[in-house]
Amino acid sequence: MAGDRHTYTPQPDIITDPELLARKEAENGLLQADLAIEIIKAHVKDRERPFRLTHGLILTLNKQALDGIHSLAGTYRNTPAKIEGAKHSPVEPFQVADEMQLMCSYVNENWAEKSALHLASYVLWKLNWIHPFADGNGRTARAISYVVLCAKIDSLLPGTPTIPEQIADDKMPYYKALEAADAVLKADGVVDVSQLEQMLESMLARQLVNAAQQAAGADPSKVDIVSAKIST
C-alpha cells in the first residue's frame, strides 16, 4: 500500500517474490486477527483468568504475522532497525527486552487506574517506538493494542470494520499520531498519547455504530453499556 512504512534489518526474508509475499502477508494477517480474537475470548468474562500483558502474548502474535515469511518470526530482533519514512530511530537491540518489559509493567500496574483507550493507545505507541521485531511491528502493535482494549473493557467488541482494520485502511492519521507522541517524548521527556486516544475513540465509535446498524433488531442499550466502559 502506498505510504506504508517498512522496517529494515540485516536478516533476509524467507519469501522474496513480491506477489507471494503479499499473498502470505494477507493470509497471516487473517490468522493473526483470528488469534487475537481467541486471546480476547480467553480473558473476557473470566474472573479466574485476569488479563496480564506478557512477552509471550506479544511474541505469539508476531510469530503468527511473520510465520513462513521471516526467519525471526516470534523473536525480538538482535540487530539495529530503521523505519523508512519516519523521524524516530528505534532503540538498540540490547535495549529491546528491557523496554518491552517496561511496556508490559506499565499496562499491568496501571490496569485498574487508567482507561481502556489510554492503555490501548500506550501499547500502540510504545511497541512502535521500541520496534522490537525484525518485521511486523505495526501489525503486532495494532493486534495487541486491540487485545488490551477489549480485555480492559471486558468485551469482545462487535462491529466491522474493527479498529485494526480501520487503521490498516488509512494509515496516515495513525502515523501522525505516533509521531506526535514521539515528538512530545523527545522534547519534554513525557509520554503523551492523547492524539492516539482521540483517534481510537473515533474509530471505536464507528465500529460500535456499525455494530448497531448491522445487527437486525440490535438492542441499543448493549452498545451504550460498552460505550460507557471505554473511559473507565
Protein backbone atom coordinates (compact mmCIF):
# COMPACT_ATOMS: atom_id res chain seq x y z
CA MET A 1 0.00 0.00 0.00
CA ALA A 2 1.33 3.44 -0.90
CA GLY A 3 2.67 5.36 2.06
CA ASP A 4 3.32 2.26 4.16
CA ARG A 5 6.41 2.22 6.33
CA HIS A 6 8.78 -0.72 6.32
CA THR A 7 11.38 -1.86 8.82
CA TYR A 8 14.84 -2.71 7.51
CA THR A 9 17.08 -5.16 9.36
CA PRO A 10 20.00 -7.28 8.09
CA GLN A 11 18.10 -10.62 8.13
CA PRO A 12 16.68 -11.64 4.74
CA ASP A 13 13.04 -12.52 4.25
CA ILE A 14 12.17 -16.16 3.54
CA ILE A 15 9.91 -15.14 0.65
CA THR A 16 11.45 -12.78 -1.89
CA ASP A 17 8.81 -12.85 -4.63
CA PRO A 18 6.61 -9.72 -4.11
CA GLU A 19 3.36 -11.41 -5.15
CA LEU A 20 3.92 -14.48 -2.99
CA LEU A 21 4.95 -12.25 -0.10
CA ALA A 22 1.81 -10.10 -0.39
CA ARG A 23 -0.36 -13.22 -0.50
CA LYS A 24 1.33 -14.75 2.53
CA GLU A 25 1.14 -11.48 4.49
CA ALA A 26 -2.59 -11.24 3.79
CA GLU A 27 -3.10 -14.86 4.85
CA ASN A 28 -1.08 -14.37 8.03
CA GLY A 29 -2.96 -11.14 8.74
CA LEU A 30 -6.26 -13.02 8.82
CA LEU A 31 -4.77 -15.72 11.04
CA GLN A 32 -3.31 -13.10 13.38
CA ALA A 33 -6.71 -11.41 13.67
CA ASP A 34 -8.30 -14.76 14.50
CA LEU A 35 -5.62 -15.42 17.11
CA ALA A 36 -6.22 -12.00 18.69
CA ILE A 37 -9.93 -12.80 18.95
CA GLU A 38 -9.17 -16.14 20.60
CA ILE A 39 -6.92 -14.39 23.13
CA ILE A 40 -9.66 -11.87 23.89
CA LYS A 41 -12.26 -14.62 24.32
CA ALA A 42 -9.94 -16.43 26.71
CA HIS A 43 -9.82 -13.45 29.07
CA VAL A 44 -13.14 -11.59 28.94
CA LYS A 45 -15.78 -12.54 31.49
CA ASP A 46 -13.28 -14.81 33.26
CA ARG A 47 -12.62 -13.86 36.87
CA GLU A 48 -10.31 -16.86 37.26
CA ARG A 49 -8.06 -15.70 34.43
CA PRO A 50 -7.42 -11.95 34.72
CA PHE A 51 -5.60 -10.36 31.81
CA ARG A 52 -1.91 -9.57 32.05
CA LEU A 53 0.22 -8.29 29.21
CA THR A 54 3.23 -10.58 28.76
CA HIS A 55 6.16 -11.12 26.43
CA GLY A 56 4.72 -14.49 25.45
CA LEU A 57 1.45 -12.99 24.30
CA ILE A 58 3.18 -10.39 22.15
CA LEU A 59 5.70 -12.82 20.69
CA THR A 60 2.93 -15.26 19.77
CA LEU A 61 1.06 -12.59 17.82
CA ASN A 62 4.21 -11.57 15.98
CA LYS A 63 5.01 -15.18 15.13
CA GLN A 64 1.60 -15.53 13.51
CA ALA A 65 2.18 -12.37 11.47
CA LEU A 66 5.60 -13.50 10.18
CA ASP A 67 5.21 -17.28 10.08
CA GLY A 68 6.76 -18.55 6.86
CA ILE A 69 7.85 -15.02 5.92
CA HIS A 70 10.77 -14.11 8.17
CA SER A 71 13.42 -16.18 9.91
CA LEU A 72 12.96 -14.22 13.16
CA ALA A 73 9.19 -14.70 13.44
CA GLY A 74 8.15 -14.58 17.10
CA THR A 75 11.51 -13.38 18.43
CA TYR A 76 12.92 -9.99 19.33
CA ARG A 77 15.41 -8.53 16.87
CA ASN A 78 19.12 -8.71 17.68
CA THR A 79 20.23 -6.13 15.12
CA PRO A 80 19.59 -2.39 14.59
CA ALA A 81 16.40 -1.34 12.80
CA LYS A 82 15.48 1.61 10.62
CA ILE A 83 11.95 2.77 9.84
CA GLU A 84 11.63 4.13 6.31
CA GLY A 85 9.78 7.45 6.23
CA ALA A 86 9.90 8.07 9.99
CA LYS A 87 11.97 10.52 12.04
CA HIS A 88 12.20 8.20 15.03
CA SER A 89 15.11 5.77 15.40
CA PRO A 90 14.17 2.57 17.28
CA VAL A 91 16.10 1.53 20.37
CA GLU A 92 19.28 -0.50 20.16
CA PRO A 93 18.93 -4.30 20.17
CA PHE A 94 20.25 -4.67 23.74
CA GLN A 95 17.50 -2.32 24.96
CA VAL A 96 14.59 -4.15 23.35
CA ALA A 97 13.81 -6.72 26.06
CA ASP A 98 14.04 -4.17 28.89
CA GLU A 99 11.83 -1.66 27.07
CA MET A 100 9.27 -4.36 26.31
CA GLN A 101 9.22 -5.32 29.98
CA LEU A 102 8.66 -1.68 30.93
CA MET A 103 5.74 -1.56 28.50
CA CYS A 104 4.15 -4.69 29.95
CA SER A 105 4.71 -3.47 33.51
CA TYR A 106 3.12 -0.10 32.77
CA VAL A 107 -0.03 -1.75 31.44
CA ASN A 108 -0.29 -4.31 34.25
CA GLU A 109 0.46 -1.85 37.06
CA ASN A 110 -1.99 0.76 35.74
CA TRP A 111 -4.73 -1.68 34.73
CA ALA A 112 -7.19 -0.54 37.38
CA GLU A 113 -6.44 3.20 37.22
CA LYS A 114 -6.06 4.00 33.51
CA SER A 115 -8.80 3.98 30.88
CA ALA A 116 -9.11 1.37 28.15
CA LEU A 117 -8.39 3.98 25.49
CA HIS A 118 -5.24 5.16 27.26
CA LEU A 119 -3.81 1.68 27.78
CA ALA A 120 -4.56 0.63 24.19
CA SER A 121 -3.05 3.87 22.87
CA TYR A 122 0.02 3.50 25.05
CA VAL A 123 0.69 -0.02 23.75
CA LEU A 124 0.07 1.06 20.17
CA TRP A 125 2.64 3.84 20.51
CA LYS A 126 5.20 2.15 22.76
CA LEU A 127 5.56 -1.02 20.71
CA ASN A 128 6.04 1.05 17.56
CA TRP A 129 8.54 3.25 19.40
CA ILE A 130 10.57 0.22 20.52
CA HIS A 131 10.17 -1.60 17.19
CA PRO A 132 11.17 -4.87 18.82
CA PHE A 133 10.79 -7.11 15.80
CA ALA A 134 12.66 -7.54 12.53
CA ASP A 135 9.30 -7.09 10.77
CA GLY A 136 5.58 -7.00 11.53
CA ASN A 137 5.86 -4.33 14.23
CA GLY A 138 2.84 -2.33 13.08
CA ARG A 139 0.66 -5.40 12.60
CA THR A 140 1.61 -6.75 16.01
CA ALA A 141 1.16 -3.37 17.71
CA ARG A 142 -2.35 -2.99 16.29
CA ALA A 143 -3.30 -6.54 17.28
CA ILE A 144 -2.04 -6.35 20.86
CA SER A 145 -3.49 -2.85 21.31
CA TYR A 146 -6.90 -4.21 20.33
CA VAL A 147 -6.48 -7.16 22.69
CA VAL A 148 -5.70 -4.74 25.54
CA LEU A 149 -8.69 -2.54 24.67
CA CYS A 150 -11.14 -5.45 24.63
CA ALA A 151 -9.68 -7.11 27.72
CA LYS A 152 -9.88 -3.87 29.70
CA ILE A 153 -13.49 -3.28 28.60
CA ASP A 154 -14.14 -6.98 29.31
CA SER A 155 -15.90 -7.44 26.00
CA LEU A 156 -15.20 -8.75 22.51
CA LEU A 157 -16.24 -5.61 20.69
CA PRO A 158 -18.90 -6.06 17.98
CA GLY A 159 -18.93 -4.45 14.57
CA THR A 160 -16.78 -4.02 11.49
CA PRO A 161 -14.51 -2.66 10.33
CA THR A 162 -12.63 -3.21 13.57
CA ILE A 163 -10.12 -0.66 14.84
CA PRO A 164 -7.11 -2.57 13.42
CA GLU A 165 -8.89 -2.80 10.06
CA GLN A 166 -9.66 0.92 10.05
CA ILE A 167 -6.03 1.77 10.78
CA ALA A 168 -4.82 -0.55 8.01
CA ASP A 169 -7.23 1.09 5.54
CA ASP A 170 -5.86 4.59 6.19
CA LYS A 171 -2.53 4.73 8.00
CA MET A 172 -1.68 8.43 7.72
CA PRO A 173 -3.68 9.55 10.82
CA TYR A 174 -2.06 6.65 12.67
CA TYR A 175 1.45 7.66 11.62
CA LYS A 176 0.79 11.30 12.53
CA ALA A 177 -0.49 10.34 15.98
CA LEU A 178 2.56 8.15 16.58
CA GLU A 179 4.84 10.99 15.51
CA ALA A 180 3.04 13.41 17.82
CA ALA A 181 3.74 11.15 20.80
CA ASP A 182 7.36 10.70 19.67
CA ALA A 183 7.81 14.48 19.44
CA VAL A 184 6.48 15.14 22.94
CA LEU A 185 8.70 12.46 24.44
CA LYS A 186 11.76 13.84 22.67
CA ALA A 187 11.03 17.46 23.59
CA ASP A 188 9.67 17.12 27.13
CA GLY A 189 10.57 13.61 28.24
CA VAL A 190 6.96 12.71 28.99
CA VAL A 191 4.51 10.24 27.48
CA ASP A 192 1.52 11.86 25.78
CA VAL A 193 -0.65 9.56 23.67
CA SER A 194 -3.69 11.85 23.67
CA GLN A 195 -3.78 12.11 19.86
CA LEU A 196 -3.81 8.33 19.60
CA GLU A 197 -6.58 8.20 22.22
CA GLN A 198 -8.70 10.58 20.14
CA MET A 199 -8.06 8.52 17.02
CA LEU A 200 -9.00 5.23 18.71
CA GLU A 201 -12.09 6.79 20.28
CA SER A 202 -13.32 7.92 16.87
CA MET A 203 -12.62 4.53 15.33
CA LEU A 204 -14.30 2.72 18.20
CA ALA A 205 -17.39 4.87 17.80
CA ARG A 206 -17.54 3.95 14.12
CA GLN A 207 -17.16 0.25 14.92
CA LEU A 208 -19.92 0.31 17.54
CA VAL A 209 -22.31 2.36 15.42
CA ASN A 210 -21.81 -0.11 12.59
CA ALA A 211 -22.47 -2.96 15.01
CA ALA A 212 -25.81 -1.48 15.97
CA GLN A 213 -26.71 -0.98 12.32
CA GLN A 214 -25.51 -4.41 11.20
CA ALA A 215 -27.35 -6.40 13.83
CA ALA A 216 -31.00 -6.76 12.94
CA GLY A 217 -33.05 -5.87 15.97
CA ALA A 218 -29.96 -4.96 17.95
CA ASP A 219 -30.52 -3.74 21.47
CA PRO A 220 -29.11 -0.16 21.57
CA SER A 221 -28.61 -0.45 25.33
CA LYS A 222 -25.88 -3.06 24.74
CA VAL A 223 -23.91 -0.59 22.66
CA ASP A 224 -24.46 2.07 25.33
CA ILE A 225 -23.12 -0.26 28.03
CA VAL A 226 -19.94 -0.95 26.09
CA SER A 227 -19.52 2.75 25.28
CA ALA A 228 -19.77 3.62 28.97
CA LYS A 229 -16.83 1.33 29.75
CA ILE A 230 -14.47 2.99 27.30
CA SER A 231 -13.47 5.90 29.53
CA THR A 232 -13.08 3.81 32.67
